Amino acid sequence: MSTMNLDADAFRDAGLEPVERAAAEWVLRQQQGFSPAEAREFKQWLEETPDHRKVFEEMAETSQLLDRVHEPSTAEVLPFTPAAAVPQRKKSLLRIALAAAALVAVGFVGWRQWQPLVPSFAESATTQVGGMRKLDLPDGSVVYLNTNTAVAVNYISGERRVQLVRGEAYFTVAKDPSRPFWVQAGPVAVRAVGTAFNVRIRPDAVNVLVTEGKVRLVDGDHATAPASQPVDAGAMLTTGHQAAVSVGGTSATAANAVVISTVEPRAIKSALAWQEGRLEFIETPLAEVVSEFNRYNRHKIVIADPTLATRRFGGAFASHQIEPLLELLEQSFGVVSEERENETVLRLAR
């Protein structure tokens, strides 16, 4: 019988409701580390009903009682609570914690003592078009989500994982050498310990910009790679460097798929201006300027003249206000704009 089956039998013997049994099993599976398929299944289960998340959080909180258990020979006095004062649900959770403690001891035969479990954590966060969000993580790390962005966070005992599903995010990572911090973005896995960096998924590439410390790019899907995957393979980026990794090839870090370059402080400031609600451009083709504005606004700008699209342009603007951009183009660059229902079309004046 597998460890998972032993755990399930113990939970049934504790007299729990089906939802409580399922939540307890998810707690154990999360502590052991989710595969990508399990992470998707867990997310789907959490979203089925508000009660699922509530019961799971209670189970996860109770499992932290195991953190207070050390060597069997070491006595530890816990605060006494009269039985009558403990709600029935809490009594059930305590029984589960004790059952889980026994099974952990059996499952990990190599342990010589009871060891505290590293707190686990799972969270998903999204932003809409034009939205931004700050996500505080339990270890002190912070994720800043840009417009139309989605991330899925999963902390386990040996590592911290974040999947950038779409969009762009800036990460400030708390140092913890025993738990590397991984960001999976398309075919690229970024490994960090204590650093700060920006990751953006574009249609044809993944961009990584390091503003503090260093990170390593690892080829392939870290989430599904064997635990023995060598983390020293791949490209190292340090402060002031960026990498553009082509999307669509068979190898994310093939020599012809990664372009690493040095970024001047001014360009770094422009690249991160989105955190202050601004867009900054330095000698940028108008096609790229328009593409950036369209990321933040549901009313789109369309360039109808190919010659206009290639003209280079510079300036700083509020990301949610397209009117100043249009006024400048019309007054200084000979552009005519035509308003339609959901878009503005740009052409050169004839």
Protein backbone atom coordinates (compact mmCIF):
# COMPACT_ATOMS: atom_id res chain seq x y z
CA MET A 1 0.00 0.00 0.00
CA SER A 2 1.39 3.42 -0.93
CA THR A 3 2.00 6.25 1.53
CA MET A 4 -0.85 8.18 -0.03
CA ASN A 5 -3.27 5.32 0.62
CA LEU A 6 -2.08 5.00 4.20
CA ASP A 7 -2.76 8.69 4.73
CA ALA A 8 -6.24 8.44 3.21
CA ASP A 9 -7.11 5.45 5.44
CA ALA A 10 -6.02 7.36 8.52
CA PHE A 11 -8.14 10.32 7.54
CA ARG A 12 -11.19 8.09 7.04
CA ASP A 13 -10.59 6.46 10.42
CA ALA A 14 -10.59 9.91 12.04
CA GLY A 15 -14.24 10.31 11.09
CA LEU A 16 -13.86 13.31 8.82
CA GLU A 17 -16.26 14.57 6.20
CA PRO A 18 -15.29 13.98 2.52
CA VAL A 19 -14.25 17.62 2.04
CA GLU A 20 -12.05 17.46 5.14
CA ARG A 21 -10.47 14.20 3.95
CA ALA A 22 -9.76 15.71 0.54
CA ALA A 23 -8.28 18.87 2.08
CA ALA A 24 -6.03 16.82 4.38
CA GLU A 25 -4.78 14.76 1.46
CA TRP A 26 -4.06 17.95 -0.53
CA VAL A 27 -2.04 19.30 2.42
CA LEU A 28 0.18 16.23 2.39
CA ARG A 29 0.54 16.21 -1.38
CA GLN A 30 1.46 19.89 -1.38
CA GLN A 31 4.14 19.30 1.25
CA GLN A 32 5.61 16.56 -0.93
CA GLY A 33 5.57 18.84 -4.00
CA PHE A 34 3.05 19.11 -6.81
CA SER A 35 3.66 18.00 -10.34
CA PRO A 36 2.27 20.45 -12.94
CA ALA A 37 -0.76 18.18 -13.42
CA GLU A 38 -1.37 18.00 -9.66
CA ALA A 39 -1.03 21.79 -9.36
CA ARG A 40 -3.75 22.25 -11.99
CA GLU A 41 -5.98 19.64 -10.31
CA PHE A 42 -5.47 21.31 -6.92
CA LYS A 43 -6.32 24.76 -8.30
CA GLN A 44 -9.47 23.38 -9.90
CA TRP A 45 -10.49 21.71 -6.62
CA LEU A 46 -9.95 24.95 -4.65
CA GLU A 47 -12.15 26.91 -7.05
CA GLU A 48 -15.06 24.46 -7.05
CA THR A 49 -16.55 25.97 -3.89
CA PRO A 50 -15.50 28.55 -1.24
CA ASP A 51 -15.75 25.82 1.40
CA HIS A 52 -12.89 23.90 -0.25
CA ARG A 53 -10.45 26.79 0.23
CA LYS A 54 -11.65 27.45 3.78
CA VAL A 55 -11.24 23.85 4.90
CA PHE A 56 -7.88 23.51 3.12
CA GLU A 57 -6.53 26.60 4.88
CA GLU A 58 -7.67 25.22 8.24
CA MET A 59 -5.97 21.90 7.52
CA ALA A 60 -2.77 23.62 6.43
CA GLU A 61 -2.77 25.76 9.57
CA THR A 62 -3.28 22.76 11.80
CA SER A 63 -0.50 20.82 10.09
CA GLN A 64 1.89 23.49 11.39
CA LEU A 65 1.42 21.94 14.84
CA LEU A 66 3.93 19.39 13.61
CA ASP A 67 6.51 22.16 13.50
CA ARG A 68 6.51 22.12 17.27
CA VAL A 69 7.39 18.43 17.51
CA HIS A 70 11.11 17.67 17.88
CA GLU A 71 13.04 14.59 19.07
CA PRO A 72 10.85 12.15 21.02
CA SER A 73 13.24 12.40 23.97
CA THR A 74 12.78 16.14 24.21
CA ALA A 75 9.76 17.16 26.23
CA GLU A 76 7.83 20.22 25.11
CA VAL A 77 4.98 21.66 27.16
CA LEU A 78 2.10 22.96 25.06
CA PRO A 79 -0.53 25.36 26.39
CA PHE A 80 -3.45 23.50 27.95
CA THR A 81 -6.89 24.16 26.49
CA PRO A 82 -9.95 22.61 28.16
CA ALA A 83 -11.62 20.13 25.84
CA ALA A 84 -14.94 21.90 26.14
CA ALA A 85 -13.42 25.08 24.75
CA VAL A 86 -12.19 23.49 21.51
CA PRO A 87 -14.71 23.57 18.60
CA GLN A 88 -15.62 20.21 17.11
CA ARG A 89 -13.90 21.05 13.78
CA LYS A 90 -10.67 21.88 15.61
CA LYS A 91 -10.86 18.56 17.47
CA SER A 92 -11.06 16.77 14.15
CA LEU A 93 -8.16 18.78 12.78
CA LEU A 94 -6.01 17.93 15.79
CA ARG A 95 -6.73 14.23 15.25
CA ILE A 96 -5.66 14.62 11.64
CA ALA A 97 -2.46 16.39 12.65
CA LEU A 98 -1.55 13.55 14.99
CA ALA A 99 -2.36 10.93 12.34
CA ALA A 100 -0.30 12.81 9.78
CA ALA A 101 2.59 13.06 12.23
CA ALA A 102 2.66 9.30 12.69
CA LEU A 103 2.51 8.66 8.95
CA VAL A 104 5.25 11.19 8.24
CA ALA A 105 7.47 9.31 10.67
CA VAL A 106 6.72 6.01 8.94
CA GLY A 107 7.00 7.38 5.40
CA PHE A 108 10.40 8.99 5.91
CA VAL A 109 12.30 6.05 7.37
CA GLY A 110 15.63 7.81 7.09
CA TRP A 111 14.70 10.42 9.66
CA ARG A 112 16.30 10.01 13.07
CA GLN A 113 14.04 12.56 14.69
CA TRP A 114 10.84 14.47 14.21
CA GLN A 115 11.66 17.43 12.02
CA PRO A 116 9.59 20.59 11.56
CA LEU A 117 7.88 20.87 8.21
CA VAL A 118 8.82 23.86 6.05
CA PRO A 119 5.67 25.96 5.63
CA SER A 120 4.04 25.42 2.26
CA PHE A 121 2.15 28.03 0.30
CA ALA A 122 0.04 28.13 -2.86
CA GLU A 123 -1.52 31.18 -4.44
CA SER A 124 -2.65 32.45 -7.82
CA ALA A 125 -2.92 36.10 -8.85
CA THR A 126 -4.04 37.92 -11.99
CA THR A 127 -4.47 41.44 -13.33
CA GLN A 128 -6.81 42.72 -16.02
CA VAL A 129 -5.86 44.94 -18.95
CA GLY A 130 -4.50 48.14 -17.43
CA GLY A 131 -4.30 46.68 -13.93
CA MET A 132 -1.33 46.22 -11.60
CA ARG A 133 -0.97 44.27 -8.37
CA LYS A 134 1.54 43.63 -5.60
CA LEU A 135 1.70 40.07 -4.25
CA ASP A 136 3.48 39.61 -0.90
CA LEU A 137 4.87 36.10 -0.39
CA PRO A 138 5.30 34.47 3.04
CA ASP A 139 9.13 34.46 2.94
CA GLY A 140 9.37 38.21 2.35
CA SER A 141 9.67 37.97 -1.44
CA VAL A 142 7.41 40.25 -3.49
CA VAL A 143 5.92 39.91 -6.98
CA TYR A 144 4.69 42.99 -8.85
CA LEU A 145 2.25 42.07 -11.63
CA ASN A 146 1.95 44.31 -14.67
CA THR A 147 -1.09 44.63 -16.97
CA ASN A 148 -2.90 41.46 -18.09
CA THR A 149 -0.63 39.16 -16.09
CA ALA A 150 -1.17 35.83 -14.33
CA VAL A 151 1.10 33.96 -11.91
CA ALA A 152 0.79 30.74 -9.91
CA VAL A 153 2.90 30.40 -6.76
CA ASN A 154 3.77 27.09 -5.08
CA TYR A 155 6.19 26.90 -2.15
CA ILE A 156 7.33 23.45 -1.01
CA SER A 157 9.99 22.24 1.41
CA GLY A 158 12.91 22.28 -1.04
CA GLU A 159 12.18 25.23 -3.32
CA ARG A 160 9.98 28.19 -4.16
CA ARG A 161 8.23 28.11 -7.52
CA VAL A 162 6.38 30.76 -9.49
CA GLN A 163 4.89 30.15 -12.91
CA LEU A 164 4.44 33.26 -15.02
CA VAL A 165 1.46 32.16 -17.07
CA ARG A 166 1.25 35.35 -19.13
CA GLY A 167 2.26 38.98 -19.05
CA GLU A 168 5.05 40.62 -17.08
CA ALA A 169 6.19 40.60 -13.46
CA TYR A 170 8.99 42.04 -11.34
CA PHE A 171 10.40 39.84 -8.57
CA THR A 172 12.28 40.84 -5.43
CA VAL A 173 13.49 37.60 -3.88
CA ALA A 174 14.29 37.07 -0.20
CA LYS A 175 17.56 35.21 0.32
CA ASP A 176 17.23 31.55 1.29
CA PRO A 177 20.04 29.38 -0.15
CA SER A 178 18.28 26.23 1.08
CA ARG A 179 15.19 27.01 -1.03
CA PRO A 180 16.02 28.30 -4.52
CA PHE A 181 13.47 30.60 -6.13
CA TRP A 182 12.33 29.47 -9.59
CA VAL A 183 10.32 31.41 -12.14
CA GLN A 184 8.96 29.39 -15.06
CA ALA A 185 8.07 31.49 -18.11
CA GLY A 186 7.28 29.53 -21.24
CA PRO A 187 10.35 27.43 -22.13
CA VAL A 188 12.60 29.34 -19.73
CA ALA A 189 13.26 28.61 -16.05
CA VAL A 190 14.94 31.38 -14.06
CA ARG A 191 16.76 30.37 -10.87
CA ALA A 192 17.52 32.92 -8.15
CA VAL A 193 18.34 33.00 -4.44
CA GLY A 194 18.33 36.64 -3.35
CA THR A 195 17.97 39.08 -6.21
CA ALA A 196 15.60 41.33 -8.18
CA PHE A 197 14.63 40.85 -11.81
CA ASN A 198 11.90 41.46 -14.38
CA VAL A 199 10.39 38.76 -16.62
CA ARG A 200 8.13 39.41 -19.59
CA ILE A 201 6.51 36.94 -21.98
CA ARG A 202 6.26 38.32 -25.51
CA PRO A 203 4.70 36.57 -28.52
CA ASP A 204 8.13 35.60 -29.89
CA ALA A 205 10.44 35.72 -26.87
CA VAL A 206 10.85 35.74 -23.10
CA ASN A 207 12.77 38.74 -21.73
CA VAL A 208 14.65 38.62 -18.43
CA LEU A 209 16.21 41.79 -16.97
CA VAL A 210 18.31 41.63 -13.78
CA THR A 211 18.39 44.76 -11.61
CA GLU A 212 20.09 43.29 -8.54
CA GLY A 213 22.18 40.18 -7.87
CA LYS A 214 22.29 37.38 -10.42
CA VAL A 215 20.08 34.70 -11.89
CA ARG A 216 20.63 31.65 -14.06
CA LEU A 217 18.54 30.65 -17.06
CA VAL A 218 17.89 26.94 -17.24
CA ASP A 219 16.85 25.13 -20.40
CA GLY A 220 13.46 23.43 -20.45
CA ASP A 221 10.53 23.13 -18.06
CA HIS A 222 11.90 23.12 -14.51
CA ALA A 223 8.50 22.16 -13.11
CA THR A 224 8.57 18.83 -14.93
CA ALA A 225 12.31 18.23 -14.98
CA PRO A 226 13.89 15.57 -12.74
CA ALA A 227 15.09 16.76 -9.36
CA SER A 228 18.62 15.86 -10.42
CA GLN A 229 18.58 18.42 -13.27
CA PRO A 230 21.90 20.32 -13.12
CA VAL A 231 21.16 23.93 -12.21
CA ASP A 232 24.58 25.12 -13.38
CA ALA A 233 23.63 24.59 -17.01
CA GLY A 234 22.47 27.61 -18.94
CA ALA A 235 23.25 31.31 -19.03
CA MET A 236 24.16 33.46 -16.01
CA LEU A 237 22.82 37.02 -15.85
CA THR A 238 24.13 39.65 -13.44
CA THR A 239 23.00 43.16 -12.51
CA GLY A 240 22.45 45.32 -15.56
CA HIS A 241 22.13 42.47 -18.03
CA GLN A 242 19.15 41.18 -19.93
CA ALA A 243 18.39 38.10 -22.01
CA ALA A 244 15.96 37.64 -24.85
CA VAL A 245 15.10 33.96 -25.27
CA SER A 246 13.38 33.03 -28.50
CA VAL A 247 10.11 31.13 -28.17
CA GLY A 248 9.26 28.23 -30.44
CA GLY A 249 12.58 26.44 -30.70
CA THR A 250 13.29 22.99 -29.28
CA SER A 251 15.91 24.31 -26.86
CA ALA A 252 15.34 27.48 -24.86
CA THR A 253 19.05 28.09 -24.28
CA ALA A 254 20.42 27.03 -27.64
CA ALA A 255 23.26 29.28 -28.81
CA ASN A 256 21.14 30.89 -31.52
CA ALA A 257 18.08 31.30 -29.27
CA VAL A 258 19.46 33.51 -26.48
CA VAL A 259 20.73 37.06 -26.87
CA ILE A 260 22.38 38.55 -23.77
CA SER A 261 23.17 42.26 -23.62
CA THR A 262 24.16 45.00 -21.20
CA VAL A 263 21.45 47.52 -20.35
CA GLU A 264 22.28 51.13 -19.51
CA PRO A 265 20.75 52.58 -16.31
CA ARG A 266 18.53 54.89 -18.36
CA ALA A 267 17.15 51.96 -20.35
CA ILE A 268 16.54 49.97 -17.14
CA LYS A 269 14.59 52.91 -15.73
CA SER A 270 12.48 53.05 -18.90
CA ALA A 271 11.85 49.30 -18.90
CA LEU A 272 10.55 49.43 -15.31
CA ALA A 273 8.59 52.69 -15.61
CA TRP A 274 5.39 50.60 -15.74
CA GLN A 275 5.65 50.16 -11.96
CA GLU A 276 4.87 53.89 -11.66
CA GLY A 277 2.11 53.83 -14.28
CA ARG A 278 4.30 55.35 -16.98
CA LEU A 279 5.64 54.33 -20.38
CA GLU A 280 9.04 55.65 -21.45
CA PHE A 281 10.53 55.35 -24.93
CA ILE A 282 14.03 56.00 -26.25
CA GLU A 283 14.32 56.19 -30.05
CA THR A 284 11.64 53.51 -30.39
CA PRO A 285 9.80 52.65 -33.63
CA LEU A 286 6.24 53.96 -33.45
CA ALA A 287 4.94 50.42 -34.04
CA GLU A 288 6.48 49.37 -30.71
CA VAL A 289 5.20 52.51 -28.97
CA VAL A 290 1.67 51.74 -30.12
CA SER A 291 2.01 48.09 -29.14
CA GLU A 292 2.95 49.13 -25.59
CA PHE A 293 0.00 51.51 -25.27
CA ASN A 294 -2.32 48.77 -26.51
CA ARG A 295 -1.20 46.51 -23.65
CA TYR A 296 -2.69 48.92 -21.12
CA ASN A 297 -5.82 50.15 -22.90
CA ARG A 298 -8.90 48.48 -24.30
CA HIS A 299 -9.24 51.28 -26.84
CA LYS A 300 -6.57 50.32 -29.38
CA ILE A 301 -4.33 52.36 -31.66
CA VAL A 302 -3.88 51.12 -35.24
CA ILE A 303 -1.17 52.31 -37.64
CA ALA A 304 -2.54 52.28 -41.17
CA ASP A 305 0.61 53.65 -42.86
CA PRO A 306 3.64 51.27 -42.96
CA THR A 307 6.04 54.19 -43.36
CA LEU A 308 4.76 55.74 -40.15
CA ALA A 309 5.22 52.47 -38.25
CA THR A 310 9.01 52.52 -38.70
CA ARG A 311 9.60 56.10 -37.58
CA ARG A 312 11.42 56.33 -34.26
CA PHE A 313 9.97 58.16 -31.35
CA GLY A 314 10.85 59.07 -27.75
CA GLY A 315 9.00 60.41 -24.73
CA ALA A 316 7.29 59.58 -21.43
CA PHE A 317 3.52 59.18 -20.98
CA ALA A 318 0.94 57.90 -18.52
CA SER A 319 0.16 54.36 -19.63
CA HIS A 320 -3.63 54.88 -19.43
CA GLN A 321 -3.82 58.13 -21.39
CA ILE A 322 -3.46 57.92 -25.16
CA GLU A 323 -4.62 61.49 -25.86
CA PRO A 324 -1.25 63.18 -25.09
CA LEU A 325 0.46 60.76 -27.46
CA LEU A 326 -2.03 61.45 -30.24
CA GLU A 327 -1.76 65.21 -29.76
CA LEU A 328 2.03 65.09 -29.97
CA LEU A 329 1.96 62.95 -33.11
CA GLU A 330 -0.52 65.27 -34.80
CA GLN A 331 1.24 68.51 -33.86
CA SER A 332 4.89 67.51 -34.32
CA PHE A 333 5.03 64.52 -36.63
CA GLY A 334 2.45 65.20 -39.32
CA VAL A 335 0.09 62.45 -38.23
CA VAL A 336 -3.66 62.38 -38.78
CA SER A 337 -5.81 60.32 -36.41
CA GLU A 338 -9.28 58.94 -37.08
CA GLU A 339 -11.50 57.92 -34.16
CA ARG A 340 -13.60 54.79 -34.51
CA GLU A 341 -15.73 52.89 -32.04
CA ASN A 342 -12.99 50.86 -30.33
CA GLU A 343 -9.84 52.14 -31.99
CA THR A 344 -7.94 55.12 -33.29
CA VAL A 345 -6.34 54.84 -36.75
CA LEU A 346 -3.11 56.74 -37.50
CA ARG A 347 -1.95 57.89 -40.94
CA LEU A 348 0.59 60.34 -42.30
CA ALA A 349 -0.94 63.61 -43.46
CA ARG A 350 -1.07 63.87 -47.26
